[in-house]
PDB file of N, CA and C in Angstrom:
ATOM      1  N   MET A   1      11.668  -6.372  -1.823  1.00  0.00           N
ATOM      2  CA  MET A   1      12.398  -7.601  -1.655  1.00  0.00           C
ATOM      3  C   MET A   1      12.001  -8.550  -2.791  1.00  0.00           C
ATOM      4  N   PRO A   2      12.973  -9.153  -3.426  1.00  0.00           N
ATOM      5  CA  PRO A   2      12.638 -10.102  -4.498  1.00  0.00           C
ATOM      6  C   PRO A   2      12.020 -11.370  -3.926  1.00  0.00           C
ATOM      7  N   PRO A   3      11.181 -12.039  -4.694  1.00  0.00           N
ATOM      8  CA  PRO A   3      10.582 -13.290  -4.213  1.00  0.00           C
ATOM      9  C   PRO A   3      11.639 -14.373  -4.045  1.00  0.00           C
ATOM     10  N   VAL A   4      11.447 -15.199  -3.036  1.00  0.00           N
ATOM     11  CA  VAL A   4      12.368 -16.288  -2.748  1.00  0.00           C
ATOM     12  C   VAL A   4      11.600 -17.595  -2.855  1.00  0.00           C
ATOM     13  N   ALA A   5      12.172 -18.565  -3.543  1.00  0.00           N
ATOM     14  CA  ALA A   5      11.557 -19.884  -3.668  1.00  0.00           C
ATOM     15  C   ALA A   5      12.622 -20.931  -3.369  1.00  0.00           C
ATOM     16  N   GLU A   6      12.810 -21.217  -2.095  1.00  0.00           N
ATOM     17  CA  GLU A   6      13.814 -22.170  -1.655  1.00  0.00           C
ATOM     18  C   GLU A   6      13.181 -23.205  -0.740  1.00  0.00           C
ATOM     19  N   ALA A   7      13.582 -24.452  -0.899  1.00  0.00           N
ATOM     20  CA  ALA A   7      13.080 -25.526  -0.048  1.00  0.00           C
ATOM     21  C   ALA A   7      14.008 -25.679   1.152  1.00  0.00           C
ATOM     22  N   THR A   8      13.429 -25.729   2.335  1.00  0.00           N
ATOM     23  CA  THR A   8      14.213 -25.929   3.558  1.00  0.00           C
ATOM     24  C   THR A   8      13.770 -27.178   4.316  1.00  0.00           C
ATOM     25  N   SER A   9      12.776 -27.873   3.780  1.00  0.00           N
ATOM     26  CA  SER A   9      12.343 -29.145   4.378  1.00  0.00           C
ATOM     27  C   SER A   9      11.673 -29.954   3.271  1.00  0.00           C
ATOM     28  N   ASP A  10      11.000 -31.034   3.645  1.00  0.00           N
ATOM     29  CA  ASP A  10      10.332 -31.843   2.626  1.00  0.00           C
ATOM     30  C   ASP A  10       8.940 -31.317   2.282  1.00  0.00           C
ATOM     31  N   ILE A  11       8.561 -30.200   2.900  1.00  0.00           N
ATOM     32  CA  ILE A  11       7.297 -29.537   2.584  1.00  0.00           C
ATOM     33  C   ILE A  11       7.613 -28.127   2.101  1.00  0.00           C
ATOM     34  N   ALA A  12       7.056 -27.754   0.951  1.00  0.00           N
ATOM     35  CA  ALA A  12       7.254 -26.404   0.419  1.00  0.00           C
ATOM     36  C   ALA A  12       5.904 -25.695   0.362  1.00  0.00           C
ATOM     37  N   VAL A  13       5.894 -24.426   0.740  1.00  0.00           N
ATOM     38  CA  VAL A  13       4.692 -23.608   0.669  1.00  0.00           C
ATOM     39  C   VAL A  13       5.028 -22.344  -0.109  1.00  0.00           C
ATOM     40  N   VAL A  14       4.301 -22.133  -1.187  1.00  0.00           N
ATOM     41  CA  VAL A  14       4.409 -20.894  -1.948  1.00  0.00           C
ATOM     42  C   VAL A  14       3.126 -20.130  -1.661  1.00  0.00           C
ATOM     43  N   ARG A  15       3.275 -18.946  -1.085  1.00  0.00           N
ATOM     44  CA  ARG A  15       2.108 -18.170  -0.649  1.00  0.00           C
ATOM     45  C   ARG A  15       2.022 -16.871  -1.455  1.00  0.00           C
ATOM     46  N   PHE A  16       0.932 -16.720  -2.158  1.00  0.00           N
ATOM     47  CA  PHE A  16       0.682 -15.529  -2.960  1.00  0.00           C
ATOM     48  C   PHE A  16      -0.229 -14.592  -2.169  1.00  0.00           C
ATOM     49  N   HIS A  17       0.265 -13.405  -1.853  1.00  0.00           N
ATOM     50  CA  HIS A  17      -0.504 -12.413  -1.098  1.00  0.00           C
ATOM     51  C   HIS A  17      -1.226 -11.426  -1.994  1.00  0.00           C
ATOM     52  N   GLY A  18      -0.753 -11.243  -3.196  1.00  0.00           N
ATOM     53  CA  GLY A  18      -1.253 -10.168  -4.044  1.00  0.00           C
ATOM     54  C   GLY A  18      -0.290  -9.002  -4.004  1.00  0.00           C
ATOM     55  N   ARG A  19      -0.377  -8.158  -4.994  1.00  0.00           N
ATOM     56  CA  ARG A  19       0.574  -7.047  -5.108  1.00  0.00           C
ATOM     57  C   ARG A  19      -0.142  -5.711  -5.222  1.00  0.00           C
ATOM     58  N   ASN A  20      -1.167  -5.541  -4.459  1.00  0.00           N
ATOM     59  CA  ASN A  20      -1.931  -4.303  -4.527  1.00  0.00           C
ATOM     60  C   ASN A  20      -1.190  -3.230  -3.734  1.00  0.00           C
ATOM     61  N   SER A  21      -0.179  -2.629  -4.355  1.00  0.00           N
ATOM     62  CA  SER A  21       0.668  -1.672  -3.648  1.00  0.00           C
ATOM     63  C   SER A  21      -0.087  -0.426  -3.210  1.00  0.00           C
ATOM     64  N   ASP A  22      -1.148  -0.046  -3.921  1.00  0.00           N
ATOM     65  CA  ASP A  22      -1.932   1.123  -3.530  1.00  0.00           C
ATOM     66  C   ASP A  22      -2.630   0.922  -2.188  1.00  0.00           C
ATOM     67  N   MET A  23      -3.024  -0.301  -1.897  1.00  0.00           N
ATOM     68  CA  MET A  23      -3.781  -0.584  -0.677  1.00  0.00           C
ATOM     69  C   MET A  23      -2.902  -1.066   0.476  1.00  0.00           C
ATOM     70  N   TRP A  24      -1.701  -1.534   0.194  1.00  0.00           N
ATOM     71  CA  TRP A  24      -0.876  -2.198   1.199  1.00  0.00           C
ATOM     72  C   TRP A  24      -0.602  -1.322   2.416  1.00  0.00           C
ATOM     73  N   GLU A  25      -0.309  -0.059   2.205  1.00  0.00           N
ATOM     74  CA  GLU A  25       0.040   0.849   3.297  1.00  0.00           C
ATOM     75  C   GLU A  25      -1.151   1.667   3.807  1.00  0.00           C
ATOM     76  N   ARG A  26      -2.298   1.547   3.176  1.00  0.00           N
ATOM     77  CA  ARG A  26      -3.453   2.365   3.536  1.00  0.00           C
ATOM     78  C   ARG A  26      -3.973   1.982   4.923  1.00  0.00           C
ATOM     79  N   LYS A  27      -4.305   2.979   5.702  1.00  0.00           N
ATOM     80  CA  LYS A  27      -4.828   2.774   7.059  1.00  0.00           C
ATOM     81  C   LYS A  27      -6.356   2.638   7.032  1.00  0.00           C
ATOM     82  N   GLY A  28      -6.892   1.892   7.985  1.00  0.00           N
ATOM     83  CA  GLY A  28      -8.330   1.796   8.173  1.00  0.00           C
ATOM     84  C   GLY A  28      -9.070   0.949   7.161  1.00  0.00           C
ATOM     85  N   ILE A  29      -8.384   0.019   6.501  1.00  0.00           N
ATOM     86  CA  ILE A  29      -9.061  -0.849   5.533  1.00  0.00           C
ATOM     87  C   ILE A  29      -9.055  -2.279   6.053  1.00  0.00           C
ATOM     88  N   SER A  30      -9.918  -3.086   5.480  1.00  0.00           N
ATOM     89  CA  SER A  30     -10.000  -4.485   5.899  1.00  0.00           C
ATOM     90  C   SER A  30      -8.862  -5.298   5.271  1.00  0.00           C
ATOM     91  N   THR A  31      -8.637  -6.472   5.837  1.00  0.00           N
ATOM     92  CA  THR A  31      -7.647  -7.386   5.282  1.00  0.00           C
ATOM     93  C   THR A  31      -8.003  -7.752   3.849  1.00  0.00           C
ATOM     94  N   ALA A  32      -9.278  -7.997   3.600  1.00  0.00           N
ATOM     95  CA  ALA A  32      -9.707  -8.350   2.243  1.00  0.00           C
ATOM     96  C   ALA A  32      -9.370  -7.232   1.261  1.00  0.00           C
ATOM     97  N   GLU A  33      -9.585  -5.995   1.658  1.00  0.00           N
ATOM     98  CA  GLU A  33      -9.254  -4.874   0.774  1.00  0.00           C
ATOM     99  C   GLU A  33      -7.742  -4.799   0.531  1.00  0.00           C
ATOM    100  N   ARG A  34      -6.967  -5.081   1.555  1.00  0.00           N
ATOM    101  CA  ARG A  34      -5.508  -5.040   1.422  1.00  0.00           C
ATOM    102  C   ARG A  34      -5.023  -6.072   0.401  1.00  0.00           C
ATOM    103  N   PHE A  35      -5.669  -7.223   0.361  1.00  0.00           N
ATOM    104  CA  PHE A  35      -5.254  -8.299  -0.543  1.00  0.00           C
ATOM    105  C   PHE A  35      -6.139  -8.372  -1.790  1.00  0.00           C
ATOM    106  N   ASN A  36      -6.716  -7.268  -2.181  1.00  0.00           N
ATOM    107  CA  ASN A  36      -7.559  -7.199  -3.379  1.00  0.00           C
ATOM    108  C   ASN A  36      -6.663  -7.127  -4.605  1.00  0.00           C
ATOM    109  N   TYR A  37      -6.298  -8.286  -5.117  1.00  0.00           N
ATOM    110  CA  TYR A  37      -5.388  -8.345  -6.259  1.00  0.00           C
ATOM    111  C   TYR A  37      -5.656  -9.634  -7.025  1.00  0.00           C
ATOM    112  N   LEU A  38      -5.891  -9.518  -8.304  1.00  0.00           N
ATOM    113  CA  LEU A  38      -6.039 -10.683  -9.174  1.00  0.00           C
ATOM    114  C   LEU A  38      -4.755 -10.802  -9.989  1.00  0.00           C
ATOM    115  N   TYR A  39      -4.019 -11.889  -9.768  1.00  0.00           N
ATOM    116  CA  TYR A  39      -2.777 -12.086 -10.511  1.00  0.00           C
ATOM    117  C   TYR A  39      -3.083 -12.282 -11.988  1.00  0.00           C
ATOM    118  N   PRO A  40      -2.420 -11.518 -12.861  1.00  0.00           N
ATOM    119  CA  PRO A  40      -2.589 -11.768 -14.288  1.00  0.00           C
ATOM    120  C   PRO A  40      -1.903 -13.088 -14.667  1.00  0.00           C
ATOM    121  N   GLU A  41      -2.376 -13.716 -15.720  1.00  0.00           N
ATOM    122  CA  GLU A  41      -1.848 -15.019 -16.125  1.00  0.00           C
ATOM    123  C   GLU A  41      -0.336 -14.988 -16.310  1.00  0.00           C
ATOM    124  N   GLN A  42       0.194 -13.952 -16.913  1.00  0.00           N
ATOM    125  CA  GLN A  42       1.634 -13.876 -17.156  1.00  0.00           C
ATOM    126  C   GLN A  42       2.428 -13.886 -15.847  1.00  0.00           C
ATOM    127  N   GLU A  43       1.929 -13.206 -14.843  1.00  0.00           N
ATOM    128  CA  GLU A  43       2.626 -13.188 -13.553  1.00  0.00           C
ATOM    129  C   GLU A  43       2.644 -14.578 -12.915  1.00  0.00           C
ATOM    130  N   LEU A  44       1.550 -15.307 -13.054  1.00  0.00           N
ATOM    131  CA  LEU A  44       1.525 -16.680 -12.542  1.00  0.00           C
ATOM    132  C   LEU A  44       2.475 -17.571 -13.324  1.00  0.00           C
ATOM    133  N   ARG A  45       2.502 -17.407 -14.633  1.00  0.00           N
ATOM    134  CA  ARG A  45       3.395 -18.214 -15.479  1.00  0.00           C
ATOM    135  C   ARG A  45       4.861 -18.033 -15.098  1.00  0.00           C
ATOM    136  N   GLU A  46       5.218 -16.827 -14.673  1.00  0.00           N
ATOM    137  CA  GLU A  46       6.598 -16.575 -14.262  1.00  0.00           C
ATOM    138  C   GLU A  46       6.997 -17.425 -13.065  1.00  0.00           C
ATOM    139  N   TRP A  47       6.034 -17.859 -12.281  1.00  0.00           N
ATOM    140  CA  TRP A  47       6.300 -18.687 -11.106  1.00  0.00           C
ATOM    141  C   TRP A  47       6.409 -20.179 -11.433  1.00  0.00           C
ATOM    142  N   LEU A  48       5.931 -20.598 -12.589  1.00  0.00           N
ATOM    143  CA  LEU A  48       5.905 -22.036 -12.907  1.00  0.00           C
ATOM    144  C   LEU A  48       7.276 -22.709 -12.783  1.00  0.00           C
ATOM    145  N   PRO A  49       8.354 -22.153 -13.338  1.00  0.00           N
ATOM    146  CA  PRO A  49       9.648 -22.841 -13.189  1.00  0.00           C
ATOM    147  C   PRO A  49      10.087 -22.976 -11.727  1.00  0.00           C
ATOM    148  N   ARG A  50       9.831 -21.975 -10.918  1.00  0.00           N
ATOM    149  CA  ARG A  50      10.203 -22.044  -9.498  1.00  0.00           C
ATOM    150  C   ARG A  50       9.401 -23.124  -8.785  1.00  0.00           C
ATOM    151  N   ILE A  51       8.112 -23.158  -9.062  1.00  0.00           N
ATOM    152  CA  ILE A  51       7.247 -24.149  -8.412  1.00  0.00           C
ATOM    153  C   ILE A  51       7.592 -25.554  -8.882  1.00  0.00           C
ATOM    154  N   GLU A  52       7.880 -25.712 -10.165  1.00  0.00           N
ATOM    155  CA  GLU A  52       8.266 -27.028 -10.683  1.00  0.00           C
ATOM    156  C   GLU A  52       9.569 -27.507 -10.039  1.00  0.00           C
ATOM    157  N   ARG A  53      10.511 -26.589  -9.823  1.00  0.00           N
ATOM    158  CA  ARG A  53      11.759 -26.956  -9.162  1.00  0.00           C
ATOM    159  C   ARG A  53      11.477 -27.403  -7.725  1.00  0.00           C
ATOM    160  N   LEU A  54      10.605 -26.674  -7.027  1.00  0.00           N
ATOM    161  CA  LEU A  54      10.253 -27.062  -5.659  1.00  0.00           C
ATOM    162  C   LEU A  54       9.560 -28.422  -5.623  1.00  0.00           C
ATOM    163  N   GLN A  55       8.778 -28.724  -6.659  1.00  0.00           N
ATOM    164  CA  GLN A  55       8.124 -30.038  -6.725  1.00  0.00           C
ATOM    165  C   GLN A  55       9.159 -31.154  -6.754  1.00  0.00           C
ATOM    166  N   GLY A  56      10.273 -30.911  -7.442  1.00  0.00           N
ATOM    167  CA  GLY A  56      11.325 -31.919  -7.520  1.00  0.00           C
ATOM    168  C   GLY A  56      12.174 -32.014  -6.266  1.00  0.00           C
ATOM    169  N   GLU A  57      12.158 -30.968  -5.441  1.00  0.00           N
ATOM    170  CA  GLU A  57      13.004 -30.920  -4.249  1.00  0.00           C
ATOM    171  C   GLU A  57      12.266 -31.289  -2.964  1.00  0.00           C
ATOM    172  N   THR A  58      10.947 -31.394  -3.012  1.00  0.00           N
ATOM    173  CA  THR A  58      10.183 -31.625  -1.795  1.00  0.00           C
ATOM    174  C   THR A  58       9.201 -32.776  -1.980  1.00  0.00           C
ATOM    175  N   ARG A  59       8.730 -33.265  -0.866  1.00  0.00           N
ATOM    176  CA  ARG A  59       7.733 -34.339  -0.893  1.00  0.00           C
ATOM    177  C   ARG A  59       6.324 -33.779  -1.047  1.00  0.00           C
ATOM    178  N   GLN A  60       6.072 -32.619  -0.437  1.00  0.00           N
ATOM    179  CA  GLN A  60       4.736 -32.023  -0.455  1.00  0.00           C
ATOM    180  C   GLN A  60       4.816 -30.543  -0.824  1.00  0.00           C
ATOM    181  N   PRO A  61       4.673 -30.211  -2.097  1.00  0.00           N
ATOM    182  CA  PRO A  61       4.600 -28.793  -2.455  1.00  0.00           C
ATOM    183  C   PRO A  61       3.150 -28.296  -2.351  1.00  0.00           C
ATOM    184  N   HIS A  62       2.975 -27.106  -1.793  1.00  0.00           N
ATOM    185  CA  HIS A  62       1.650 -26.506  -1.651  1.00  0.00           C
ATOM    186  C   HIS A  62       1.691 -25.084  -2.184  1.00  0.00           C
ATOM    187  N   ILE A  63       0.596 -24.674  -2.809  1.00  0.00           N
ATOM    188  CA  ILE A  63       0.458 -23.294  -3.273  1.00  0.00           C
ATOM    189  C   ILE A  63      -0.765 -22.705  -2.591  1.00  0.00           C
ATOM    190  N   LEU A  64      -0.581 -21.577  -1.917  1.00  0.00           N
ATOM    191  CA  LEU A  64      -1.674 -20.890  -1.223  1.00  0.00           C
ATOM    192  C   LEU A  64      -1.878 -19.510  -1.832  1.00  0.00           C
ATOM    193  N   PHE A  65      -3.113 -19.148  -2.020  1.00  0.00           N
ATOM    194  CA  PHE A  65      -3.435 -17.800  -2.478  1.00  0.00           C
ATOM    195  C   PHE A  65      -4.137 -17.068  -1.346  1.00  0.00           C
ATOM    196  N   ASN A  66      -3.556 -15.955  -0.931  1.00  0.00           N
ATOM    197  CA  ASN A  66      -4.086 -15.146   0.158  1.00  0.00           C
ATOM    198  C   ASN A  66      -4.604 -13.800  -0.356  1.00  0.00           C
ATOM    199  N   ASN A  67      -4.858 -13.724  -1.641  1.00  0.00           N
ATOM    200  CA  ASN A  67      -5.465 -12.517  -2.217  1.00  0.00           C
ATOM    201  C   ASN A  67      -6.975 -12.692  -2.077  1.00  0.00           C
ATOM    202  N   CYS A  68      -7.429 -12.477  -0.835  1.00  0.00           N
ATOM    203  CA  CYS A  68      -8.739 -12.954  -0.379  1.00  0.00           C
ATOM    204  C   CYS A  68      -9.875 -11.939  -0.542  1.00  0.00           C
ATOM    205  N   HIS A  69      -9.864 -11.163  -1.566  1.00  0.00           N
ATOM    206  CA  HIS A  69     -10.959 -10.236  -1.833  1.00  0.00           C
ATOM    207  C   HIS A  69     -11.873 -10.871  -2.881  1.00  0.00           C
ATOM    208  N   GLY A  70     -13.147 -11.027  -2.556  1.00  0.00           N
ATOM    209  CA  GLY A  70     -14.059 -11.681  -3.503  1.00  0.00           C
ATOM    210  C   GLY A  70     -13.598 -13.108  -3.756  1.00  0.00           C
ATOM    211  N   ASP A  71     -13.566 -13.474  -5.018  1.00  0.00           N
ATOM    212  CA  ASP A  71     -13.154 -14.832  -5.389  1.00  0.00           C
ATOM    213  C   ASP A  71     -11.785 -14.862  -6.059  1.00  0.00           C
ATOM    214  N   LYS A  72     -10.994 -13.835  -5.859  1.00  0.00           N
ATOM    215  CA  LYS A  72      -9.708 -13.731  -6.557  1.00  0.00           C
ATOM    216  C   LYS A  72      -8.772 -14.896  -6.250  1.00  0.00           C
ATOM    217  N   ALA A  73      -8.706 -15.342  -5.011  1.00  0.00           N
ATOM    218  CA  ALA A  73      -7.838 -16.467  -4.665  1.00  0.00           C
ATOM    219  C   ALA A  73      -8.282 -17.741  -5.371  1.00  0.00           C
ATOM    220  N   VAL A  74      -9.575 -17.966  -5.427  1.00  0.00           N
ATOM    221  CA  VAL A  74     -10.108 -19.165  -6.087  1.00  0.00           C
ATOM    222  C   VAL A  74      -9.831 -19.117  -7.585  1.00  0.00           C
ATOM    223  N   VAL A  75     -10.038 -17.962  -8.186  1.00  0.00           N
ATOM    224  CA  VAL A  75      -9.787 -17.797  -9.624  1.00  0.00           C
ATOM    225  C   VAL A  75      -8.318 -18.067  -9.935  1.00  0.00           C
ATOM    226  N   ASN A  76      -7.408 -17.459  -9.159  1.00  0.00           N
ATOM    227  CA  ASN A  76      -5.983 -17.661  -9.411  1.00  0.00           C
ATOM    228  C   ASN A  76      -5.546 -19.089  -9.138  1.00  0.00           C
ATOM    229  N   ALA A  77      -6.087 -19.733  -8.117  1.00  0.00           N
ATOM    230  CA  ALA A  77      -5.750 -21.130  -7.847  1.00  0.00           C
ATOM    231  C   ALA A  77      -6.181 -22.015  -9.016  1.00  0.00           C
ATOM    232  N   ARG A  78      -7.342 -21.755  -9.538  1.00  0.00           N
ATOM    233  CA  ARG A  78      -7.822 -22.513 -10.696  1.00  0.00           C
ATOM    234  C   ARG A  78      -6.905 -22.280 -11.903  1.00  0.00           C
ATOM    235  N   GLN A  79      -6.528 -21.023 -12.116  1.00  0.00           N
ATOM    236  CA  GLN A  79      -5.653 -20.690 -13.242  1.00  0.00           C
ATOM    237  C   GLN A  79      -4.330 -21.448 -13.161  1.00  0.00           C
ATOM    238  N   ILE A  80      -3.680 -21.393 -12.005  1.00  0.00           N
ATOM    239  CA  ILE A  80      -2.379 -22.038 -11.894  1.00  0.00           C
ATOM    240  C   ILE A  80      -2.511 -23.563 -11.961  1.00  0.00           C
ATOM    241  N   GLY A  81      -3.618 -24.093 -11.458  1.00  0.00           N
ATOM    242  CA  GLY A  81      -3.871 -25.521 -11.588  1.00  0.00           C
ATOM    243  C   GLY A  81      -3.981 -25.951 -13.037  1.00  0.00           C
ATOM    244  N   PHE A  82      -4.670 -25.173 -13.851  1.00  0.00           N
ATOM    245  CA  PHE A  82      -4.784 -25.462 -15.281  1.00  0.00           C
ATOM    246  C   PHE A  82      -3.422 -25.383 -15.970  1.00  0.00           C
ATOM    247  N   MET A  83      -2.572 -24.482 -15.532  1.00  0.00           N
ATOM    248  CA  MET A  83      -1.244 -24.347 -16.130  1.00  0.00           C
ATOM    249  C   MET A  83      -0.415 -25.601 -15.904  1.00  0.00           C
ATOM    250  N   PHE A  84      -0.565 -26.234 -14.739  1.00  0.00           N
ATOM    251  CA  PHE A  84       0.176 -27.459 -14.449  1.00  0.00           C
ATOM    252  C   PHE A  84      -0.442 -28.665 -15.144  1.00  0.00           C
ATOM    253  N   ASP A  85      -1.718 -28.600 -15.484  1.00  0.00           N
ATOM    254  CA  ASP A  85      -2.371 -29.714 -16.168  1.00  0.00           C
ATOM    255  C   ASP A  85      -1.994 -29.795 -17.640  1.00  0.00           C
ATOM    256  N   ARG A  86      -1.468 -28.721 -18.175  1.00  0.00           N
ATOM    257  CA  ARG A  86      -1.143 -28.698 -19.619  1.00  0.00           C
ATOM    258  C   ARG A  86       0.124 -29.435 -19.924  1.00  0.00           C
TER     259      ARG A  86
END
């Protein structure tokens, strides 16, 4: 399914789960292992125009990273934050 970035209220939430397709269907693994994915910078950059559009359409845009293995969510959140600061 292609990603969808549409505002349906004054609050927008963009949730990044990670794209670890090798682990997604695997049985007997932890949630952290399932979301073990570090988004490369280019993949995050592809989202910038969508997120910027949502910023203009909503009162409260939020970005959540659910790639919760190790510190991957924190690293990616920092990366995308720096992209908006430029």
